[in-house]
Amino acid sequence: MAAKEEIKNELFFNSKAEFENKALEIMHGHPQLEALIQANNITNEEILENLFTFINIKESLDNSQIYPWIFSISRKNEKLVFKKIAAKNEYKSVVTRHINLWLTQICEPNPEARLDRIRLSSAQRKEMFEYINHLKVAIAKKKQKGLKGIYVYGANNTGKTYIASAIANEFAAEGISSVYLTTSALYSFLISNMGSNATNANAVIDIINKLKKVNALIIDEIGLEKNNYWFRLQVLMEIIESRIANNKITFFFSGMNKKEFESYYHDQLKREPYKVKTFTSRILNNTLEFCIDEIEK
């Protein structure tokens, strides 16, 4: 990367000779690359003939943890032979995660969270972990029809947000489109983007449509959002009903168990009892409940 920036354009040099000398200086100045040059008796003429290949080799050596290729150099019939193979590093999963993790402008999951780091200290946690992995395989194979999402609850500091982030990260890294968000962040984002002009209105519609279509929607801290009828009984209801109708899996994380969740929303939204019942039943009837408080000593 740095090498390309230094020698990518001859216009920065007074002559072709100056350009070539700079290129050779950079290549020979790299200890690992110089060792390869010496081991294969590579001449300066050969370096210049294959300059951009050597630049790529240099970058692979400098960025071995993320560069997608590993290069080898050999000779056959006195001619240089370059081979490249896919590197066994995290490049592919990092790029795939980036592509498949949607709407990070609203919420960004903890990038360090991983499913294999979840504490499996209770039967409920183990069951949850197994079911999450089952869902990951099913969604990847587009065989999630008939499967329920999950409803995870627990006290503060039990790792709900970490688990939610881990699901988003690993599903996205497997090529499954994923969104992680908190209900409070979604509400704030939609409100801040609403306005009288068509551009803002279209932006809100686009966000809602993406939340309907994404293959794995992870909703954290449900219940902590502002008590707003429009947001809860229109926006969230519309998203959830669409996802159920189209066999899309949704993951909910809350500080309340299902019974507490149902009572809480009925108390908060008293003037719309029928809609509240419909809203809560859509969530409760289409998820499996897991408590992560029951940690065995």
Protein backbone atom coordinates (compact mmCIF):
# COMPACT_ATOMS: atom_id res chain seq x y z
CA MET A 1 0.00 0.00 0.00
CA ALA A 2 2.75 2.44 1.02
CA ALA A 3 4.93 1.14 -1.80
CA LYS A 4 2.22 1.76 -4.38
CA GLU A 5 1.76 5.28 -3.09
CA GLU A 6 5.48 5.92 -3.44
CA ILE A 7 6.01 4.57 -6.94
CA LYS A 8 2.58 4.34 -8.56
CA ASN A 9 3.10 7.22 -10.98
CA GLU A 10 6.22 8.10 -12.95
CA LEU A 11 4.99 11.68 -13.22
CA PHE A 12 6.32 12.24 -9.70
CA PHE A 13 9.87 11.52 -10.93
CA ASN A 14 12.14 13.51 -13.21
CA SER A 15 13.07 10.47 -15.27
CA LYS A 16 12.34 6.81 -15.79
CA ALA A 17 15.71 5.99 -14.25
CA GLU A 18 14.79 7.89 -11.08
CA PHE A 19 11.50 6.00 -10.89
CA GLU A 20 13.22 2.63 -11.30
CA ASN A 21 15.90 3.42 -8.74
CA LYS A 22 13.25 4.38 -6.19
CA ALA A 23 11.35 1.16 -6.87
CA LEU A 24 14.47 -0.96 -6.42
CA GLU A 25 15.36 0.91 -3.23
CA ILE A 26 11.96 0.10 -1.74
CA MET A 27 12.10 -3.58 -2.73
CA HIS A 28 15.67 -4.17 -1.55
CA GLY A 29 15.01 -2.18 1.62
CA HIS A 30 12.45 -4.69 2.85
CA PRO A 31 14.30 -7.42 4.84
CA GLN A 32 11.91 -10.30 4.10
CA LEU A 33 11.57 -9.38 0.45
CA GLU A 34 15.33 -8.99 0.11
CA ALA A 35 15.76 -12.50 1.52
CA LEU A 36 13.44 -13.84 -1.20
CA ILE A 37 15.33 -11.88 -3.84
CA GLN A 38 18.66 -13.30 -2.69
CA ALA A 39 17.35 -16.85 -2.32
CA ASN A 40 16.08 -16.88 -5.90
CA ASN A 41 18.94 -14.86 -7.42
CA ILE A 42 16.46 -12.31 -8.70
CA THR A 43 18.00 -9.54 -10.77
CA ASN A 44 17.01 -5.90 -10.74
CA GLU A 45 15.76 -6.31 -14.29
CA GLU A 46 13.41 -9.09 -13.14
CA ILE A 47 12.14 -6.95 -10.28
CA LEU A 48 11.32 -4.12 -12.66
CA GLU A 49 9.68 -6.47 -15.17
CA ASN A 50 7.41 -7.81 -12.40
CA LEU A 51 7.24 -4.67 -10.31
CA PHE A 52 3.57 -4.71 -9.35
CA THR A 53 3.78 -8.39 -8.38
CA PHE A 54 6.65 -7.50 -6.06
CA ILE A 55 4.62 -4.63 -4.62
CA ASN A 56 1.81 -7.10 -3.85
CA ILE A 57 4.28 -9.48 -2.24
CA LYS A 58 5.62 -6.65 -0.08
CA GLU A 59 2.10 -5.72 1.01
CA SER A 60 1.28 -9.34 1.86
CA LEU A 61 4.37 -9.49 4.08
CA ASP A 62 3.56 -6.17 5.77
CA ASN A 63 -0.11 -7.03 6.35
CA SER A 64 -0.07 -10.78 6.91
CA GLN A 65 -3.01 -10.73 9.33
CA ILE A 66 -5.44 -9.25 6.82
CA TYR A 67 -3.93 -9.60 3.33
CA PRO A 68 -5.98 -12.11 1.29
CA TRP A 69 -3.05 -13.81 -0.47
CA ILE A 70 0.25 -15.51 0.29
CA PHE A 71 2.86 -15.45 -2.50
CA SER A 72 5.64 -17.86 -3.33
CA ILE A 73 8.51 -17.37 -5.77
CA SER A 74 10.43 -20.10 -7.58
CA ARG A 75 12.27 -20.67 -10.84
CA LYS A 76 11.37 -22.99 -13.69
CA ASN A 77 13.61 -23.19 -16.74
CA GLU A 78 15.45 -20.17 -15.37
CA LYS A 79 12.27 -18.08 -15.39
CA LEU A 80 10.59 -16.67 -12.32
CA VAL A 81 7.33 -18.35 -11.32
CA PHE A 82 4.94 -16.56 -8.97
CA LYS A 83 2.15 -18.41 -7.19
CA LYS A 84 -0.47 -17.09 -4.83
CA ILE A 85 -2.78 -18.98 -2.50
CA ALA A 86 -5.58 -17.78 -0.25
CA ALA A 87 -4.26 -16.73 3.14
CA LYS A 88 -5.60 -18.46 6.24
CA ASN A 89 -6.34 -15.28 8.15
CA GLU A 90 -9.38 -13.25 9.08
CA TYR A 91 -9.48 -11.21 5.88
CA LYS A 92 -12.41 -13.04 4.35
CA SER A 93 -14.56 -12.98 7.48
CA VAL A 94 -13.75 -9.32 8.18
CA VAL A 95 -14.75 -8.26 4.67
CA THR A 96 -17.82 -10.53 4.63
CA ARG A 97 -18.93 -9.15 8.01
CA HIS A 98 -18.52 -5.59 6.75
CA ILE A 99 -20.62 -6.29 3.65
CA ASN A 100 -23.41 -8.10 5.49
CA LEU A 101 -23.69 -5.94 8.61
CA TRP A 102 -26.35 -3.40 7.70
CA LEU A 103 -27.39 -0.07 9.23
CA THR A 104 -24.31 0.42 11.38
CA GLN A 105 -25.03 4.15 11.18
CA ILE A 106 -27.81 3.46 13.70
CA CYS A 107 -25.98 1.01 15.95
CA GLU A 108 -22.63 -0.75 15.83
CA PRO A 109 -22.28 -4.09 17.62
CA ASN A 110 -19.23 -4.75 19.76
CA PRO A 111 -16.74 -5.86 17.07
CA GLU A 112 -14.90 -8.13 19.51
CA ALA A 113 -17.98 -10.15 20.49
CA ARG A 114 -17.90 -13.80 19.41
CA LEU A 115 -20.23 -16.70 19.99
CA ASP A 116 -17.42 -19.01 21.12
CA ARG A 117 -16.65 -16.60 23.96
CA ILE A 118 -20.13 -16.73 25.46
CA ARG A 119 -20.08 -18.10 29.00
CA LEU A 120 -21.97 -21.42 28.98
CA SER A 121 -22.43 -21.60 32.74
CA SER A 122 -26.03 -22.81 32.85
CA ALA A 123 -28.34 -25.20 31.03
CA GLN A 124 -30.31 -22.28 29.59
CA ARG A 125 -27.18 -20.67 28.20
CA LYS A 126 -26.10 -23.94 26.60
CA GLU A 127 -29.52 -24.46 25.04
CA MET A 128 -29.52 -20.88 23.77
CA PHE A 129 -26.04 -21.29 22.27
CA GLU A 130 -27.02 -24.50 20.49
CA TYR A 131 -30.21 -22.96 19.13
CA ILE A 132 -28.39 -19.84 17.89
CA ASN A 133 -25.99 -22.04 15.94
CA HIS A 134 -28.92 -24.08 14.62
CA LEU A 135 -30.53 -20.87 13.37
CA LYS A 136 -27.27 -19.74 11.77
CA VAL A 137 -27.04 -22.92 9.72
CA ALA A 138 -30.73 -22.86 8.83
CA ILE A 139 -30.69 -19.23 7.68
CA ALA A 140 -27.51 -19.77 5.66
CA LYS A 141 -29.24 -22.66 3.87
CA LYS A 142 -32.53 -20.72 3.59
CA LYS A 143 -34.28 -23.42 5.61
CA GLN A 144 -35.51 -21.28 8.50
CA LYS A 145 -39.20 -21.61 7.65
CA GLY A 146 -41.12 -22.76 10.73
CA LEU A 147 -38.30 -21.89 13.12
CA LYS A 148 -38.79 -19.34 15.87
CA GLY A 149 -36.52 -16.49 16.86
CA ILE A 150 -35.21 -16.08 20.39
CA TYR A 151 -36.18 -13.91 23.35
CA VAL A 152 -33.27 -13.57 25.77
CA TYR A 153 -33.70 -11.91 29.13
CA GLY A 154 -31.52 -11.37 32.16
CA ALA A 155 -30.45 -8.90 34.79
CA ASN A 156 -27.96 -6.10 34.16
CA ASN A 157 -24.38 -7.18 33.44
CA THR A 158 -25.29 -10.73 32.45
CA GLY A 159 -24.00 -10.28 28.90
CA LYS A 160 -27.16 -9.68 26.87
CA THR A 161 -25.61 -7.00 24.66
CA TYR A 162 -22.46 -9.06 24.20
CA ILE A 163 -24.48 -12.05 23.01
CA ALA A 164 -26.56 -9.84 20.72
CA SER A 165 -23.38 -8.37 19.23
CA ALA A 166 -21.85 -11.81 18.80
CA ILE A 167 -24.87 -13.00 16.84
CA ALA A 168 -24.70 -9.98 14.53
CA ASN A 169 -20.94 -10.35 13.99
CA GLU A 170 -20.87 -14.07 13.32
CA PHE A 171 -24.00 -14.26 11.21
CA ALA A 172 -22.69 -11.38 9.06
CA ALA A 173 -19.27 -13.05 8.79
CA GLU A 174 -21.04 -16.18 7.49
CA GLY A 175 -22.66 -14.15 4.72
CA ILE A 176 -26.03 -13.65 6.44
CA SER A 177 -27.32 -10.08 6.21
CA SER A 178 -27.66 -8.85 9.79
CA VAL A 179 -28.70 -5.77 11.74
CA TYR A 180 -27.93 -5.07 15.39
CA LEU A 181 -29.70 -2.18 17.06
CA THR A 182 -31.26 -1.01 20.28
CA THR A 183 -34.85 0.19 20.16
CA SER A 184 -33.80 3.53 21.67
CA ALA A 185 -31.20 4.09 18.96
CA LEU A 186 -33.67 3.20 16.22
CA TYR A 187 -36.28 5.57 17.63
CA SER A 188 -33.78 8.43 17.90
CA PHE A 189 -32.47 7.81 14.38
CA LEU A 190 -35.92 7.78 12.81
CA ILE A 191 -37.03 10.91 14.66
CA SER A 192 -33.86 12.79 13.71
CA ASN A 193 -34.33 11.86 10.05
CA MET A 194 -37.99 12.73 9.79
CA GLY A 195 -38.91 15.99 8.14
CA SER A 196 -41.12 17.65 5.61
CA ASN A 197 -38.91 17.00 2.60
CA ALA A 198 -39.14 13.89 0.45
CA THR A 199 -35.50 12.92 0.95
CA ASN A 200 -35.94 12.49 4.71
CA ALA A 201 -39.21 10.62 4.28
CA ASN A 202 -37.61 8.25 1.79
CA ALA A 203 -34.66 7.67 4.13
CA VAL A 204 -37.02 6.57 6.92
CA ILE A 205 -38.95 4.30 4.56
CA ASP A 206 -35.68 2.78 3.34
CA ILE A 207 -34.57 2.01 6.91
CA ILE A 208 -37.88 0.33 7.73
CA ASN A 209 -37.76 -1.72 4.53
CA LYS A 210 -34.24 -2.91 5.32
CA LEU A 211 -35.36 -3.97 8.79
CA LYS A 212 -38.12 -6.01 7.18
CA LYS A 213 -35.81 -7.68 4.67
CA VAL A 214 -32.60 -8.33 6.60
CA ASN A 215 -32.11 -12.04 7.27
CA ALA A 216 -31.17 -11.68 10.94
CA LEU A 217 -32.52 -8.77 12.97
CA ILE A 218 -31.11 -8.44 16.48
CA ILE A 219 -33.12 -6.05 18.66
CA ASP A 220 -31.41 -5.20 21.93
CA GLU A 221 -32.87 -3.47 25.01
CA ILE A 222 -36.47 -3.80 23.88
CA GLY A 223 -38.63 -2.07 26.46
CA LEU A 224 -36.18 0.76 27.11
CA GLU A 225 -37.31 2.82 24.12
CA LYS A 226 -39.36 5.99 24.53
CA ASN A 227 -43.05 5.31 25.25
CA ASN A 228 -44.30 6.37 21.83
CA TYR A 229 -47.43 4.86 20.29
CA TRP A 230 -46.32 5.57 16.74
CA PHE A 231 -42.94 3.91 17.18
CA ARG A 232 -44.10 0.89 19.13
CA LEU A 233 -47.50 0.11 17.61
CA GLN A 234 -46.81 1.21 14.06
CA VAL A 235 -43.12 1.08 13.23
CA LEU A 236 -42.07 -1.93 15.33
CA MET A 237 -45.37 -3.71 14.69
CA GLU A 238 -45.05 -3.27 10.93
CA ILE A 239 -41.47 -4.55 10.93
CA ILE A 240 -42.20 -7.56 13.13
CA GLU A 241 -45.36 -8.60 11.28
CA SER A 242 -43.60 -8.38 7.93
CA ARG A 243 -40.73 -10.49 9.20
CA ILE A 244 -43.05 -13.17 10.56
CA ALA A 245 -44.98 -13.29 7.28
CA ASN A 246 -41.75 -13.71 5.32
CA ASN A 247 -40.05 -16.25 7.60
CA LYS A 248 -37.38 -13.83 8.77
CA ILE A 249 -35.73 -14.60 12.11
CA THR A 250 -35.69 -11.93 14.83
CA PHE A 251 -33.69 -11.97 18.07
CA PHE A 252 -34.93 -9.98 21.07
CA PHE A 253 -32.94 -9.04 24.17
CA SER A 254 -34.57 -7.56 27.25
CA GLY A 255 -34.24 -7.09 30.98
CA MET A 256 -37.77 -8.50 31.39
CA ASN A 257 -39.03 -12.03 31.03
CA LYS A 258 -41.97 -12.61 28.69
CA LYS A 259 -44.62 -12.24 31.38
CA GLU A 260 -43.09 -8.99 32.64
CA PHE A 261 -42.69 -7.77 29.07
CA GLU A 262 -46.38 -8.30 28.31
CA SER A 263 -47.52 -6.55 31.51
CA TYR A 264 -45.12 -3.67 30.96
CA TYR A 265 -46.40 -2.86 27.48
CA HIS A 266 -50.04 -3.14 28.54
CA ASP A 267 -49.35 -0.65 31.35
CA GLN A 268 -47.45 1.70 29.05
CA LEU A 269 -49.95 1.70 26.17
CA LYS A 270 -53.31 1.53 27.93
CA ARG A 271 -55.34 3.40 25.35
CA GLU A 272 -54.69 0.78 22.66
CA PRO A 273 -55.27 -2.56 24.47
CA TYR A 274 -56.08 -4.56 21.32
CA LYS A 275 -53.03 -3.30 19.42
CA VAL A 276 -50.81 -3.89 22.43
CA LYS A 277 -52.03 -7.46 22.74
CA THR A 278 -51.37 -8.02 19.04
CA PHE A 279 -47.92 -6.45 19.30
CA THR A 280 -46.78 -8.45 22.32
CA SER A 281 -48.26 -11.71 21.05
CA ARG A 282 -46.35 -11.37 17.77
CA ILE A 283 -43.12 -11.28 19.73
CA LEU A 284 -43.94 -13.79 22.45
CA ASN A 285 -45.52 -16.43 20.21
CA ASN A 286 -42.75 -16.41 17.65
CA THR A 287 -39.72 -16.72 19.91
CA LEU A 288 -38.17 -19.24 22.27
CA GLU A 289 -37.40 -17.80 25.70
CA PHE A 290 -33.98 -18.11 27.32
CA CYS A 291 -32.94 -16.78 30.73
CA ILE A 292 -29.23 -16.10 31.15
CA ASP A 293 -29.41 -15.37 34.90
CA GLU A 294 -29.31 -18.99 36.06
CA ILE A 295 -25.58 -19.36 36.39
CA GLU A 296 -24.54 -22.56 38.05
CA LYS A 297 -21.81 -22.26 40.65
